PDB file of N, CA and C in Angstrom:
ATOM      1  N   CYS A   1       9.404  10.712   2.709  1.00  0.00           N
ATOM      2  CA  CYS A   1      10.280  10.289   1.641  1.00  0.00           C
ATOM      3  C   CYS A   1       9.857  10.988   0.357  1.00  0.00           C
ATOM      4  N   ILE A   2      10.815  11.627  -0.285  1.00  0.00           N
ATOM      5  CA  ILE A   2      10.541  12.244  -1.584  1.00  0.00           C
ATOM      6  C   ILE A   2      11.730  12.015  -2.506  1.00  0.00           C
ATOM      7  N   ARG A   3      11.454  12.007  -3.774  1.00  0.00           N
ATOM      8  CA  ARG A   3      12.509  11.908  -4.779  1.00  0.00           C
ATOM      9  C   ARG A   3      13.235  13.245  -4.770  1.00  0.00           C
ATOM     10  N   ALA A   4      14.561  13.212  -4.679  1.00  0.00           N
ATOM     11  CA  ALA A   4      15.336  14.450  -4.615  1.00  0.00           C
ATOM     12  C   ALA A   4      16.779  14.200  -5.007  1.00  0.00           C
ATOM     13  N   GLY A   5      17.342  15.129  -5.732  1.00  0.00           N
ATOM     14  CA  GLY A   5      18.754  15.059  -6.057  1.00  0.00           C
ATOM     15  C   GLY A   5      19.587  15.630  -4.920  1.00  0.00           C
ATOM     16  N   ASN A   6      20.869  15.345  -4.971  1.00  0.00           N
ATOM     17  CA  ASN A   6      21.769  15.929  -3.975  1.00  0.00           C
ATOM     18  C   ASN A   6      22.376  17.214  -4.548  1.00  0.00           C
ATOM     19  N   GLU A   7      23.330  17.785  -3.833  1.00  0.00           N
ATOM     20  CA  GLU A   7      23.915  19.054  -4.291  1.00  0.00           C
ATOM     21  C   GLU A   7      24.685  18.906  -5.605  1.00  0.00           C
ATOM     22  N   ASP A   8      25.067  17.671  -5.959  1.00  0.00           N
ATOM     23  CA  ASP A   8      25.748  17.411  -7.233  1.00  0.00           C
ATOM     24  C   ASP A   8      24.770  16.998  -8.328  1.00  0.00           C
ATOM     25  N   MET A   9      23.472  17.110  -8.020  1.00  0.00           N
ATOM     26  CA  MET A   9      22.394  16.785  -8.961  1.00  0.00           C
ATOM     27  C   MET A   9      22.301  15.290  -9.284  1.00  0.00           C
ATOM     28  N   ASN A  10      22.799  14.448  -8.385  1.00  0.00           N
ATOM     29  CA  ASN A  10      22.648  13.013  -8.549  1.00  0.00           C
ATOM     30  C   ASN A  10      21.249  12.616  -8.085  1.00  0.00           C
ATOM     31  N   PRO A  11      20.568  11.735  -8.826  1.00  0.00           N
ATOM     32  CA  PRO A  11      19.218  11.336  -8.423  1.00  0.00           C
ATOM     33  C   PRO A  11      19.233  10.484  -7.165  1.00  0.00           C
ATOM     34  N   GLY A  12      18.193  10.638  -6.373  1.00  0.00           N
ATOM     35  CA  GLY A  12      18.118   9.860  -5.148  1.00  0.00           C
ATOM     36  C   GLY A  12      16.849  10.146  -4.388  1.00  0.00           C
ATOM     37  N   TRP A  13      16.911   9.860  -3.086  1.00  0.00           N
ATOM     38  CA  TRP A  13      15.744   9.955  -2.210  1.00  0.00           C
ATOM     39  C   TRP A  13      16.096  10.704  -0.945  1.00  0.00           C
ATOM     40  N   ARG A  14      15.217  11.576  -0.545  1.00  0.00           N
ATOM     41  CA  ARG A  14      15.335  12.284   0.733  1.00  0.00           C
ATOM     42  C   ARG A  14      14.398  11.559   1.698  1.00  0.00           C
ATOM     43  N   ILE A  15      14.961  10.981   2.738  1.00  0.00           N
ATOM     44  CA  ILE A  15      14.140  10.197   3.663  1.00  0.00           C
ATOM     45  C   ILE A  15      14.293  10.729   5.083  1.00  0.00           C
ATOM     46  N   GLN A  16      13.185  10.715   5.807  1.00  0.00           N
ATOM     47  CA  GLN A  16      13.157  11.119   7.210  1.00  0.00           C
ATOM     48  C   GLN A  16      12.417  10.044   7.989  1.00  0.00           C
ATOM     49  N   PHE A  17      12.900   9.762   9.179  1.00  0.00           N
ATOM     50  CA  PHE A  17      12.237   8.788  10.044  1.00  0.00           C
ATOM     51  C   PHE A  17      12.640   9.077  11.471  1.00  0.00           C
ATOM     52  N   ASP A  18      11.807   8.623  12.408  1.00  0.00           N
ATOM     53  CA  ASP A  18      12.132   8.779  13.822  1.00  0.00           C
ATOM     54  C   ASP A  18      13.447   8.063  14.104  1.00  0.00           C
ATOM     55  N   TYR A  19      14.251   8.646  14.960  1.00  0.00           N
ATOM     56  CA  TYR A  19      15.558   8.081  15.252  1.00  0.00           C
ATOM     57  C   TYR A  19      15.443   6.642  15.764  1.00  0.00           C
ATOM     58  N   ASP A  20      16.180   5.769  15.106  1.00  0.00           N
ATOM     59  CA  ASP A  20      16.261   4.365  15.474  1.00  0.00           C
ATOM     60  C   ASP A  20      17.712   3.958  15.228  1.00  0.00           C
ATOM     61  N   PRO A  21      18.505   3.773  16.298  1.00  0.00           N
ATOM     62  CA  PRO A  21      19.932   3.502  16.109  1.00  0.00           C
ATOM     63  C   PRO A  21      20.198   2.256  15.269  1.00  0.00           C
ATOM     64  N   ASP A  22      19.364   1.231  15.384  1.00  0.00           N
ATOM     65  CA  ASP A  22      19.558   0.019  14.589  1.00  0.00           C
ATOM     66  C   ASP A  22      19.314   0.289  13.104  1.00  0.00           C
ATOM     67  N   LEU A  23      18.298   1.071  12.815  1.00  0.00           N
ATOM     68  CA  LEU A  23      17.996   1.413  11.426  1.00  0.00           C
ATOM     69  C   LEU A  23      19.093   2.288  10.830  1.00  0.00           C
ATOM     70  N   VAL A  24      19.594   3.230  11.601  1.00  0.00           N
ATOM     71  CA  VAL A  24      20.688   4.084  11.130  1.00  0.00           C
ATOM     72  C   VAL A  24      21.917   3.228  10.826  1.00  0.00           C
ATOM     73  N   GLU A  25      22.248   2.296  11.706  1.00  0.00           N
ATOM     74  CA  GLU A  25      23.405   1.417  11.470  1.00  0.00           C
ATOM     75  C   GLU A  25      23.186   0.527  10.259  1.00  0.00           C
ATOM     76  N   ALA A  26      21.967   0.040  10.059  1.00  0.00           N
ATOM     77  CA  ALA A  26      21.667  -0.781   8.884  1.00  0.00           C
ATOM     78  C   ALA A  26      21.840   0.039   7.605  1.00  0.00           C
ATOM     79  N   LEU A  27      21.350   1.267   7.621  1.00  0.00           N
ATOM     80  CA  LEU A  27      21.502   2.153   6.466  1.00  0.00           C
ATOM     81  C   LEU A  27      22.980   2.390   6.173  1.00  0.00           C
ATOM     82  N   LYS A  28      23.733   2.715   7.207  1.00  0.00           N
ATOM     83  CA  LYS A  28      25.166   2.964   7.035  1.00  0.00           C
ATOM     84  C   LYS A  28      25.916   1.710   6.585  1.00  0.00           C
ATOM     85  N   GLY A  29      25.470   0.557   7.054  1.00  0.00           N
ATOM     86  CA  GLY A  29      26.130  -0.697   6.696  1.00  0.00           C
ATOM     87  C   GLY A  29      25.846  -1.160   5.277  1.00  0.00           C
ATOM     88  N   GLN A  30      24.708  -0.733   4.719  1.00  0.00           N
ATOM     89  CA  GLN A  30      24.325  -1.213   3.398  1.00  0.00           C
ATOM     90  C   GLN A  30      24.474  -0.184   2.284  1.00  0.00           C
ATOM     91  N   VAL A  31      24.634   1.076   2.655  1.00  0.00           N
ATOM     92  CA  VAL A  31      24.793   2.141   1.660  1.00  0.00           C
ATOM     93  C   VAL A  31      26.137   2.821   1.922  1.00  0.00           C
ATOM     94  N   PRO A  32      27.073   2.752   0.974  1.00  0.00           N
ATOM     95  CA  PRO A  32      28.379   3.391   1.175  1.00  0.00           C
ATOM     96  C   PRO A  32      28.250   4.890   1.444  1.00  0.00           C
ATOM     97  N   HIS A  33      29.186   5.422   2.194  1.00  0.00           N
ATOM     98  CA  HIS A  33      29.119   6.841   2.575  1.00  0.00           C
ATOM     99  C   HIS A  33      29.110   7.766   1.366  1.00  0.00           C
ATOM    100  N   THR A  34      29.635   7.312   0.224  1.00  0.00           N
ATOM    101  CA  THR A  34      29.626   8.134  -0.986  1.00  0.00           C
ATOM    102  C   THR A  34      28.249   8.185  -1.636  1.00  0.00           C
ATOM    103  N   GLU A  35      27.334   7.327  -1.193  1.00  0.00           N
ATOM    104  CA  GLU A  35      26.008   7.234  -1.794  1.00  0.00           C
ATOM    105  C   GLU A  35      24.902   7.659  -0.826  1.00  0.00           C
ATOM    106  N   ARG A  36      25.290   8.255   0.306  1.00  0.00           N
ATOM    107  CA  ARG A  36      24.319   8.737   1.290  1.00  0.00           C
ATOM    108  C   ARG A  36      24.888   9.963   1.981  1.00  0.00           C
ATOM    109  N   LYS A  37      24.007  10.788   2.513  1.00  0.00           N
ATOM    110  CA  LYS A  37      24.472  11.956   3.257  1.00  0.00           C
ATOM    111  C   LYS A  37      23.409  12.356   4.268  1.00  0.00           C
ATOM    112  N   TRP A  38      23.839  12.647   5.479  1.00  0.00           N
ATOM    113  CA  TRP A  38      22.965  13.124   6.549  1.00  0.00           C
ATOM    114  C   TRP A  38      22.946  14.639   6.516  1.00  0.00           C
ATOM    115  N   ASN A  39      21.765  15.239   6.577  1.00  0.00           N
ATOM    116  CA  ASN A  39      21.619  16.685   6.666  1.00  0.00           C
ATOM    117  C   ASN A  39      21.200  17.002   8.096  1.00  0.00           C
ATOM    118  N   PRO A  40      22.137  17.462   8.937  1.00  0.00           N
ATOM    119  CA  PRO A  40      21.823  17.674  10.352  1.00  0.00           C
ATOM    120  C   PRO A  40      20.876  18.845  10.618  1.00  0.00           C
ATOM    121  N   GLU A  41      20.876  19.861   9.750  1.00  0.00           N
ATOM    122  CA  GLU A  41      19.985  21.005   9.980  1.00  0.00           C
ATOM    123  C   GLU A  41      18.521  20.626   9.766  1.00  0.00           C
ATOM    124  N   GLU A  42      18.261  19.907   8.678  1.00  0.00           N
ATOM    125  CA  GLU A  42      16.882  19.550   8.352  1.00  0.00           C
ATOM    126  C   GLU A  42      16.523  18.123   8.774  1.00  0.00           C
ATOM    127  N   LYS A  43      17.511  17.408   9.289  1.00  0.00           N
ATOM    128  CA  LYS A  43      17.322  16.065   9.836  1.00  0.00           C
ATOM    129  C   LYS A  43      16.718  15.083   8.834  1.00  0.00           C
ATOM    130  N   TYR A  44      17.431  14.907   7.708  1.00  0.00           N
ATOM    131  CA  TYR A  44      17.033  13.892   6.729  1.00  0.00           C
ATOM    132  C   TYR A  44      18.281  13.262   6.128  1.00  0.00           C
ATOM    133  N   TRP A  45      18.079  12.075   5.551  1.00  0.00           N
ATOM    134  CA  TRP A  45      19.127  11.397   4.803  1.00  0.00           C
ATOM    135  C   TRP A  45      18.841  11.559   3.324  1.00  0.00           C
ATOM    136  N   TRP A  46      19.881  11.763   2.544  1.00  0.00           N
ATOM    137  CA  TRP A  46      19.782  11.639   1.096  1.00  0.00           C
ATOM    138  C   TRP A  46      20.471  10.324   0.754  1.00  0.00           C
ATOM    139  N   VAL A  47      19.794   9.497  -0.064  1.00  0.00           N
ATOM    140  CA  VAL A  47      20.351   8.211  -0.483  1.00  0.00           C
ATOM    141  C   VAL A  47      20.237   8.121  -2.000  1.00  0.00           C
ATOM    142  N   SER A  48      21.311   7.701  -2.634  1.00  0.00           N
ATOM    143  CA  SER A  48      21.371   7.571  -4.081  1.00  0.00           C
ATOM    144  C   SER A  48      20.314   6.608  -4.615  1.00  0.00           C
ATOM    145  N   ASP A  49      19.838   6.908  -5.804  1.00  0.00           N
ATOM    146  CA  ASP A  49      18.896   6.039  -6.509  1.00  0.00           C
ATOM    147  C   ASP A  49      19.443   4.620  -6.680  1.00  0.00           C
ATOM    148  N   LYS A  50      20.766   4.504  -6.739  1.00  0.00           N
ATOM    149  CA  LYS A  50      21.395   3.192  -6.912  1.00  0.00           C
ATOM    150  C   LYS A  50      21.030   2.226  -5.785  1.00  0.00           C
ATOM    151  N   TYR A  51      20.592   2.751  -4.661  1.00  0.00           N
ATOM    152  CA  TYR A  51      20.316   1.926  -3.477  1.00  0.00           C
ATOM    153  C   TYR A  51      18.828   1.869  -3.138  1.00  0.00           C
ATOM    154  N   LEU A  52      17.997   2.051  -4.157  1.00  0.00           N
ATOM    155  CA  LEU A  52      16.552   1.959  -3.953  1.00  0.00           C
ATOM    156  C   LEU A  52      16.156   0.592  -3.405  1.00  0.00           C
ATOM    157  N   ASN A  53      16.767  -0.482  -3.896  1.00  0.00           N
ATOM    158  CA  ASN A  53      16.428  -1.818  -3.391  1.00  0.00           C
ATOM    159  C   ASN A  53      16.751  -1.968  -1.911  1.00  0.00           C
ATOM    160  N   VAL A  54      17.837  -1.357  -1.461  1.00  0.00           N
ATOM    161  CA  VAL A  54      18.182  -1.384  -0.036  1.00  0.00           C
ATOM    162  C   VAL A  54      17.118  -0.629   0.758  1.00  0.00           C
ATOM    163  N   LEU A  55      16.710   0.541   0.260  1.00  0.00           N
ATOM    164  CA  LEU A  55      15.673   1.313   0.947  1.00  0.00           C
ATOM    165  C   LEU A  55      14.365   0.523   1.032  1.00  0.00           C
ATOM    166  N   LYS A  56      14.047  -0.216  -0.016  1.00  0.00           N
ATOM    167  CA  LYS A  56      12.833  -1.042  -0.007  1.00  0.00           C
ATOM    168  C   LYS A  56      12.921  -2.139   1.048  1.00  0.00           C
ATOM    169  N   GLN A  57      14.124  -2.648   1.295  1.00  0.00           N
ATOM    170  CA  GLN A  57      14.315  -3.672   2.333  1.00  0.00           C
ATOM    171  C   GLN A  57      14.210  -3.066   3.732  1.00  0.00           C
ATOM    172  N   LEU A  58      14.722  -1.858   3.897  1.00  0.00           N
ATOM    173  CA  LEU A  58      14.757  -1.221   5.209  1.00  0.00           C
ATOM    174  C   LEU A  58      13.426  -0.581   5.610  1.00  0.00           C
ATOM    175  N   PHE A  59      12.659  -0.102   4.629  1.00  0.00           N
ATOM    176  CA  PHE A  59      11.422   0.624   4.907  1.00  0.00           C
ATOM    177  C   PHE A  59      10.257  -0.058   4.195  1.00  0.00           C
ATOM    178  N   SER A  60       9.320  -0.554   4.966  1.00  0.00           N
ATOM    179  CA  SER A  60       8.204  -1.307   4.392  1.00  0.00           C
ATOM    180  C   SER A  60       7.341  -0.472   3.449  1.00  0.00           C
ATOM    181  N   ASN A  61       7.299   0.852   3.632  1.00  0.00           N
ATOM    182  CA  ASN A  61       6.467   1.707   2.786  1.00  0.00           C
ATOM    183  C   ASN A  61       7.232   2.298   1.593  1.00  0.00           C
ATOM    184  N   MET A  62       8.483   1.917   1.409  1.00  0.00           N
ATOM    185  CA  MET A  62       9.297   2.506   0.344  1.00  0.00           C
ATOM    186  C   MET A  62       8.773   2.140  -1.041  1.00  0.00           C
ATOM    187  N   GLU A  63       8.206   0.968  -1.196  1.00  0.00           N
ATOM    188  CA  GLU A  63       7.664   0.553  -2.493  1.00  0.00           C
ATOM    189  C   GLU A  63       6.607   1.542  -2.977  1.00  0.00           C
ATOM    190  N   ALA A  64       5.711   1.930  -2.097  1.00  0.00           N
ATOM    191  CA  ALA A  64       4.656   2.887  -2.461  1.00  0.00           C
ATOM    192  C   ALA A  64       5.256   4.246  -2.807  1.00  0.00           C
ATOM    193  N   PHE A  65       6.212   4.704  -2.018  1.00  0.00           N
ATOM    194  CA  PHE A  65       6.841   6.003  -2.296  1.00  0.00           C
ATOM    195  C   PHE A  65       7.604   5.983  -3.614  1.00  0.00           C
ATOM    196  N   SER A  66       8.320   4.899  -3.895  1.00  0.00           N
ATOM    197  CA  SER A  66       9.090   4.845  -5.123  1.00  0.00           C
ATOM    198  C   SER A  66       8.175   4.803  -6.336  1.00  0.00           C
ATOM    199  N   ALA A  67       7.027   4.152  -6.230  1.00  0.00           N
ATOM    200  CA  ALA A  67       6.069   4.138  -7.336  1.00  0.00           C
ATOM    201  C   ALA A  67       5.528   5.538  -7.596  1.00  0.00           C
ATOM    202  N   GLN A  68       5.239   6.281  -6.523  1.00  0.00           N
ATOM    203  CA  GLN A  68       4.773   7.656  -6.677  1.00  0.00           C
ATOM    204  C   GLN A  68       5.852   8.515  -7.314  1.00  0.00           C
ATOM    205  N   GLY A  69       7.098   8.299  -6.929  1.00  0.00           N
ATOM    206  CA  GLY A  69       8.201   9.082  -7.481  1.00  0.00           C
ATOM    207  C   GLY A  69       8.347   8.905  -8.968  1.00  0.00           C
ATOM    208  N   LYS A  70       8.022   7.716  -9.468  1.00  0.00           N
ATOM    209  CA  LYS A  70       8.129   7.468 -10.905  1.00  0.00           C
ATOM    210  C   LYS A  70       7.005   8.128 -11.698  1.00  0.00           C
ATOM    211  N   LEU A  71       5.929   8.471 -11.007  1.00  0.00           N
ATOM    212  CA  LEU A  71       4.823   9.111 -11.687  1.00  0.00           C
ATOM    213  C   LEU A  71       5.045  10.606 -11.897  1.00  0.00           C
ATOM    214  N   LEU A  72       5.960  11.177 -11.155  1.00  0.00           N
ATOM    215  CA  LEU A  72       6.186  12.627 -11.240  1.00  0.00           C
ATOM    216  C   LEU A  72       6.855  13.022 -12.531  1.00  0.00           C
TER     217      LEU A  72
END
């Protein structure tokens, strides 16, 4: 997980995790398609900063990553 903008320079997070169909469905169910994007070549999700709280709920280690991102 790293802090990263999308191609439109919107702030957000680039996240990668082992494939888990339930987790993917939870992400899709809680983050609108306009606020997330799958990159099939590099196999990561970009998720808008607006949904940081959702990411914290879905990923137990997101709190630590988000704190590091604020230090940069």
